[in-house]
């Protein structure tokens, strides 16, 4: 289970950039924009997590357990090169994630 950690943010000439704390960077943590996708979508902020997160993994944010539904890496074309622009985690509360799996299974069986 991954735990969210604090971030350090600073203004760069190209725009706003977010970095994980030094001790997190040494452990290969990266900032992710976290969105709870249960309607209506709720922004849970930018959090540092390990770079190897996958769908179905459990993460804890502010004491609440969530399960990852999707991991998205977005790129933007700048000066003829694609550069990473955003890393995003779509999460559901763990109870809701399990309920969705159960309902999908029922739908497939019928």
N, C-alpha and C. Protein backbone atom coordinates (compact mmCIF):
# COMPACT_ATOMS: atom_id res chain seq x y z
N UNK A 1 0.86 -1.17 0.00
CA UNK A 1 0.00 0.00 0.00
C UNK A 1 0.90 1.23 0.00
N UNK A 2 0.64 2.15 -0.89
CA UNK A 2 1.45 3.36 -0.99
C UNK A 2 0.82 4.47 -0.16
N UNK A 3 1.67 5.28 0.42
CA UNK A 3 1.21 6.41 1.21
C UNK A 3 1.57 7.69 0.47
N UNK A 4 0.67 8.66 0.48
CA UNK A 4 0.94 9.95 -0.15
C UNK A 4 1.89 10.73 0.74
N UNK A 5 2.76 11.51 0.13
CA UNK A 5 3.69 12.32 0.92
C UNK A 5 3.63 13.77 0.48
N UNK A 6 4.31 14.62 1.22
CA UNK A 6 4.29 16.06 0.97
C UNK A 6 5.07 16.42 -0.28
N UNK A 7 4.78 17.59 -0.79
CA UNK A 7 5.40 18.08 -2.01
C UNK A 7 6.08 19.41 -1.79
N UNK A 8 7.00 19.71 -2.64
CA UNK A 8 7.59 21.04 -2.69
C UNK A 8 7.25 21.62 -4.06
N UNK A 9 6.77 22.84 -4.11
CA UNK A 9 6.38 23.45 -5.38
C UNK A 9 7.17 24.73 -5.57
N UNK A 10 7.50 25.02 -6.82
CA UNK A 10 8.15 26.29 -7.12
C UNK A 10 7.76 26.75 -8.51
N UNK A 11 7.93 28.03 -8.73
CA UNK A 11 7.58 28.64 -10.01
C UNK A 11 8.80 28.59 -10.92
N UNK A 12 8.62 28.07 -12.11
CA UNK A 12 9.68 27.99 -13.10
C UNK A 12 9.30 28.93 -14.25
N UNK A 13 10.26 29.30 -15.06
CA UNK A 13 9.99 30.25 -16.14
C UNK A 13 8.92 29.74 -17.10
N UNK A 14 8.83 28.40 -17.30
CA UNK A 14 7.84 27.83 -18.21
C UNK A 14 6.48 27.69 -17.56
N UNK A 15 6.40 27.70 -16.24
CA UNK A 15 5.13 27.53 -15.56
C UNK A 15 5.33 26.93 -14.19
N UNK A 16 4.28 26.42 -13.62
CA UNK A 16 4.29 25.86 -12.27
C UNK A 16 4.82 24.44 -12.31
N UNK A 17 5.75 24.11 -11.43
CA UNK A 17 6.33 22.77 -11.40
C UNK A 17 6.29 22.24 -9.98
N UNK A 18 5.93 20.98 -9.84
CA UNK A 18 5.82 20.36 -8.52
C UNK A 18 6.87 19.27 -8.40
N UNK A 19 7.57 19.26 -7.28
CA UNK A 19 8.58 18.23 -7.01
C UNK A 19 8.27 17.56 -5.68
N UNK A 20 8.63 16.30 -5.58
CA UNK A 20 8.51 15.59 -4.31
C UNK A 20 9.68 15.98 -3.42
N UNK A 21 9.51 15.78 -2.13
CA UNK A 21 10.60 16.08 -1.20
C UNK A 21 11.82 15.24 -1.55
N UNK A 22 12.98 15.69 -1.12
CA UNK A 22 14.24 15.03 -1.48
C UNK A 22 14.26 13.56 -1.08
N UNK A 23 13.79 13.24 0.12
CA UNK A 23 13.83 11.84 0.54
C UNK A 23 12.91 10.97 -0.31
N UNK A 24 11.82 11.55 -0.85
CA UNK A 24 10.94 10.80 -1.74
C UNK A 24 11.58 10.63 -3.12
N UNK A 25 12.29 11.64 -3.60
CA UNK A 25 12.95 11.53 -4.90
C UNK A 25 14.00 10.43 -4.89
N UNK A 26 14.68 10.26 -3.77
CA UNK A 26 15.67 9.21 -3.66
C UNK A 26 15.03 7.83 -3.72
N UNK A 27 13.77 7.73 -3.36
CA UNK A 27 13.06 6.45 -3.41
C UNK A 27 12.24 6.31 -4.69
N UNK A 28 12.52 7.13 -5.71
CA UNK A 28 11.86 7.06 -7.01
C UNK A 28 10.36 7.37 -6.90
N UNK A 29 10.00 8.45 -6.21
CA UNK A 29 8.63 8.91 -6.12
C UNK A 29 8.43 10.06 -7.10
N UNK A 30 7.23 10.15 -7.66
CA UNK A 30 6.91 11.20 -8.62
C UNK A 30 5.56 11.84 -8.27
N UNK A 31 5.37 13.11 -8.63
CA UNK A 31 4.08 13.75 -8.34
C UNK A 31 3.00 13.29 -9.32
N UNK A 32 1.83 12.97 -8.79
CA UNK A 32 0.67 12.57 -9.57
C UNK A 32 -0.50 13.46 -9.19
N UNK A 33 -1.29 13.86 -10.18
CA UNK A 33 -2.55 14.54 -9.92
C UNK A 33 -3.56 13.44 -9.62
N UNK A 34 -4.22 13.51 -8.47
CA UNK A 34 -5.12 12.44 -8.04
C UNK A 34 -6.56 12.93 -8.12
N UNK A 35 -7.40 12.16 -8.85
CA UNK A 35 -8.81 12.48 -9.04
C UNK A 35 -9.65 11.29 -8.57
N UNK A 36 -10.60 11.54 -7.66
CA UNK A 36 -11.57 10.50 -7.30
C UNK A 36 -12.67 10.56 -8.34
N UNK A 37 -12.89 9.47 -9.08
CA UNK A 37 -13.76 9.52 -10.26
C UNK A 37 -15.22 9.20 -9.96
N UNK A 38 -15.55 8.92 -8.72
CA UNK A 38 -16.95 8.70 -8.37
C UNK A 38 -17.72 9.99 -8.66
N UNK A 39 -18.87 9.91 -9.36
CA UNK A 39 -19.58 11.15 -9.70
C UNK A 39 -20.01 11.91 -8.46
N UNK A 40 -19.87 13.20 -8.40
CA UNK A 40 -19.07 14.05 -9.29
C UNK A 40 -17.59 13.87 -9.00
N UNK A 41 -16.73 14.01 -10.03
CA UNK A 41 -15.28 13.85 -9.80
C UNK A 41 -14.78 14.85 -8.76
N UNK A 42 -13.83 14.40 -7.95
CA UNK A 42 -13.29 15.23 -6.87
C UNK A 42 -11.76 15.24 -6.98
N UNK A 43 -11.18 16.43 -7.00
CA UNK A 43 -9.74 16.57 -7.08
C UNK A 43 -9.16 16.37 -5.68
N UNK A 44 -8.28 15.39 -5.52
CA UNK A 44 -7.65 15.12 -4.23
C UNK A 44 -6.28 15.75 -4.13
N UNK A 45 -5.89 16.54 -5.12
CA UNK A 45 -4.63 17.26 -5.08
C UNK A 45 -3.51 16.54 -5.79
N UNK A 46 -2.32 17.06 -5.62
CA UNK A 46 -1.13 16.48 -6.22
C UNK A 46 -0.36 15.78 -5.11
N UNK A 47 -0.06 14.50 -5.32
CA UNK A 47 0.59 13.67 -4.29
C UNK A 47 1.78 12.94 -4.89
N UNK A 48 2.75 12.62 -4.04
CA UNK A 48 3.92 11.85 -4.47
C UNK A 48 3.68 10.37 -4.22
N UNK A 49 3.91 9.58 -5.27
CA UNK A 49 3.79 8.13 -5.19
C UNK A 49 4.93 7.49 -5.95
N UNK A 50 5.19 6.20 -5.72
CA UNK A 50 6.21 5.49 -6.50
C UNK A 50 5.83 5.49 -7.99
N UNK A 51 6.83 5.40 -8.85
CA UNK A 51 6.57 5.49 -10.28
C UNK A 51 5.99 4.21 -10.86
N UNK A 52 5.97 3.11 -10.11
CA UNK A 52 5.50 1.84 -10.66
C UNK A 52 4.08 1.48 -10.23
N UNK A 53 3.22 2.46 -10.01
CA UNK A 53 1.83 2.18 -9.62
C UNK A 53 1.06 1.56 -10.77
N UNK A 54 0.12 0.67 -10.43
CA UNK A 54 -0.68 -0.01 -11.44
C UNK A 54 -2.14 0.00 -11.01
N UNK A 55 -3.01 -0.28 -11.97
CA UNK A 55 -4.45 -0.38 -11.67
C UNK A 55 -4.68 -1.50 -10.66
N UNK A 56 -5.61 -1.25 -9.74
CA UNK A 56 -5.94 -2.24 -8.73
C UNK A 56 -5.13 -2.12 -7.46
N UNK A 57 -4.08 -1.31 -7.45
CA UNK A 57 -3.29 -1.13 -6.23
C UNK A 57 -4.02 -0.22 -5.26
N UNK A 58 -3.73 -0.41 -4.00
CA UNK A 58 -4.36 0.39 -2.95
C UNK A 58 -3.42 1.50 -2.51
N UNK A 59 -3.95 2.71 -2.36
CA UNK A 59 -3.18 3.85 -1.87
C UNK A 59 -3.96 4.50 -0.73
N UNK A 60 -3.25 5.15 0.18
CA UNK A 60 -3.88 5.85 1.29
C UNK A 60 -3.61 7.34 1.16
N UNK A 61 -4.68 8.13 1.15
CA UNK A 61 -4.57 9.58 1.07
C UNK A 61 -5.37 10.16 2.23
N UNK A 62 -4.68 10.90 3.07
CA UNK A 62 -5.28 11.54 4.25
C UNK A 62 -6.08 10.54 5.07
N UNK A 63 -5.53 9.35 5.27
CA UNK A 63 -6.14 8.35 6.12
C UNK A 63 -7.25 7.54 5.49
N UNK A 64 -7.59 7.79 4.24
CA UNK A 64 -8.66 7.06 3.57
C UNK A 64 -8.07 6.17 2.48
N UNK A 65 -8.56 4.94 2.38
CA UNK A 65 -8.06 3.98 1.41
C UNK A 65 -8.76 4.15 0.07
N UNK A 66 -7.97 4.17 -1.00
CA UNK A 66 -8.47 4.26 -2.36
C UNK A 66 -7.83 3.17 -3.20
N UNK A 67 -8.51 2.78 -4.27
CA UNK A 67 -7.97 1.81 -5.22
C UNK A 67 -7.80 2.51 -6.56
N UNK A 68 -6.68 2.28 -7.22
CA UNK A 68 -6.38 2.94 -8.49
C UNK A 68 -7.18 2.30 -9.61
N UNK A 69 -7.92 3.12 -10.36
CA UNK A 69 -8.68 2.66 -11.52
C UNK A 69 -7.92 2.87 -12.82
N UNK A 70 -7.15 3.94 -12.90
CA UNK A 70 -6.40 4.23 -14.11
C UNK A 70 -5.17 5.07 -13.79
N UNK A 71 -4.10 4.83 -14.53
CA UNK A 71 -2.89 5.63 -14.45
C UNK A 71 -2.68 6.23 -15.83
N UNK A 72 -2.60 7.56 -15.90
CA UNK A 72 -2.47 8.25 -17.18
C UNK A 72 -1.22 9.10 -17.20
N UNK A 73 -0.43 8.95 -18.25
CA UNK A 73 0.74 9.79 -18.48
C UNK A 73 0.45 10.61 -19.73
N UNK A 74 0.41 11.92 -19.60
CA UNK A 74 0.15 12.79 -20.75
C UNK A 74 1.43 13.48 -21.20
N UNK A 75 1.53 13.65 -22.51
CA UNK A 75 2.70 14.28 -23.10
C UNK A 75 2.27 15.45 -23.96
N UNK A 76 3.15 16.43 -24.09
CA UNK A 76 2.86 17.61 -24.89
C UNK A 76 4.01 17.84 -25.86
N UNK A 77 3.68 18.20 -27.10
CA UNK A 77 4.70 18.45 -28.11
C UNK A 77 5.26 19.85 -27.92
N UNK A 78 6.56 19.93 -27.63
CA UNK A 78 7.24 21.21 -27.46
C UNK A 78 8.54 21.18 -28.25
N UNK A 79 8.70 22.15 -29.13
CA UNK A 79 9.93 22.27 -29.92
C UNK A 79 10.29 20.98 -30.63
N UNK A 80 9.29 20.30 -31.18
CA UNK A 80 9.52 19.09 -31.95
C UNK A 80 9.74 17.83 -31.13
N UNK A 81 9.60 17.90 -29.80
CA UNK A 81 9.79 16.74 -28.94
C UNK A 81 8.57 16.59 -28.03
N UNK A 82 8.25 15.34 -27.75
CA UNK A 82 7.20 15.09 -26.77
C UNK A 82 7.81 15.08 -25.38
N UNK A 83 7.27 15.91 -24.50
CA UNK A 83 7.74 16.00 -23.12
C UNK A 83 6.60 15.65 -22.18
N UNK A 84 6.90 14.98 -21.06
CA UNK A 84 5.85 14.66 -20.09
C UNK A 84 5.22 15.95 -19.55
N UNK A 85 3.90 15.99 -19.52
CA UNK A 85 3.24 17.19 -19.00
C UNK A 85 2.41 16.91 -17.75
N UNK A 86 1.92 15.67 -17.60
CA UNK A 86 1.07 15.37 -16.44
C UNK A 86 1.04 13.88 -16.18
N UNK A 87 1.05 13.52 -14.91
CA UNK A 87 0.81 12.15 -14.48
C UNK A 87 -0.44 12.19 -13.62
N UNK A 88 -1.38 11.32 -13.93
CA UNK A 88 -2.67 11.39 -13.26
C UNK A 88 -3.10 10.00 -12.77
N UNK A 89 -3.66 9.96 -11.57
CA UNK A 89 -4.24 8.75 -11.02
C UNK A 89 -5.74 8.95 -10.88
N UNK A 90 -6.52 8.06 -11.47
CA UNK A 90 -7.97 8.03 -11.25
C UNK A 90 -8.22 6.97 -10.19
N UNK A 91 -8.81 7.37 -9.08
CA UNK A 91 -9.01 6.46 -7.95
C UNK A 91 -10.48 6.38 -7.57
N UNK A 92 -10.83 5.29 -6.92
CA UNK A 92 -12.15 5.08 -6.32
C UNK A 92 -11.94 4.66 -4.87
N UNK A 93 -12.89 5.00 -4.01
CA UNK A 93 -12.80 4.47 -2.65
C UNK A 93 -12.81 2.94 -2.77
N UNK A 94 -12.12 2.28 -1.87
CA UNK A 94 -11.95 0.83 -1.98
C UNK A 94 -13.29 0.10 -1.99
N UNK A 95 -14.23 0.54 -1.15
CA UNK A 95 -15.55 -0.08 -1.12
C UNK A 95 -16.27 0.06 -2.45
N UNK A 96 -16.19 1.23 -3.05
CA UNK A 96 -16.85 1.47 -4.35
C UNK A 96 -16.20 0.63 -5.45
N UNK A 97 -14.88 0.50 -5.42
CA UNK A 97 -14.15 -0.29 -6.42
C UNK A 97 -14.60 -1.76 -6.37
N UNK A 98 -14.71 -2.32 -5.16
CA UNK A 98 -15.13 -3.71 -5.00
C UNK A 98 -16.58 -3.87 -5.45
N UNK A 99 -17.44 -2.91 -5.12
CA UNK A 99 -18.83 -2.96 -5.56
C UNK A 99 -18.92 -2.94 -7.08
N UNK A 100 -18.13 -2.09 -7.74
CA UNK A 100 -18.14 -2.03 -9.20
C UNK A 100 -17.69 -3.36 -9.81
N UNK A 101 -16.67 -3.99 -9.24
CA UNK A 101 -16.23 -5.30 -9.74
C UNK A 101 -17.34 -6.34 -9.60
N UNK A 102 -18.03 -6.32 -8.47
CA UNK A 102 -19.12 -7.27 -8.24
C UNK A 102 -20.25 -7.05 -9.24
N UNK A 103 -20.63 -5.80 -9.45
CA UNK A 103 -21.72 -5.50 -10.39
C UNK A 103 -21.34 -5.85 -11.83
N UNK A 104 -20.07 -5.61 -12.21
CA UNK A 104 -19.63 -5.99 -13.57
C UNK A 104 -19.69 -7.50 -13.74
N UNK A 105 -19.32 -8.24 -12.69
CA UNK A 105 -19.37 -9.71 -12.74
C UNK A 105 -20.82 -10.19 -12.89
N UNK A 106 -21.74 -9.59 -12.16
CA UNK A 106 -23.16 -9.94 -12.28
C UNK A 106 -23.67 -9.67 -13.70
N UNK A 107 -23.26 -8.56 -14.26
CA UNK A 107 -23.70 -8.19 -15.61
C UNK A 107 -23.18 -9.20 -16.63
N UNK A 108 -21.95 -9.66 -16.50
CA UNK A 108 -21.38 -10.63 -17.42
C UNK A 108 -22.10 -11.98 -17.32
N UNK A 109 -22.53 -12.34 -16.10
CA UNK A 109 -23.19 -13.63 -15.89
C UNK A 109 -24.62 -13.66 -16.43
N UNK A 110 -25.23 -12.50 -16.53
CA UNK A 110 -26.65 -12.49 -16.97
C UNK A 110 -26.78 -12.48 -18.47
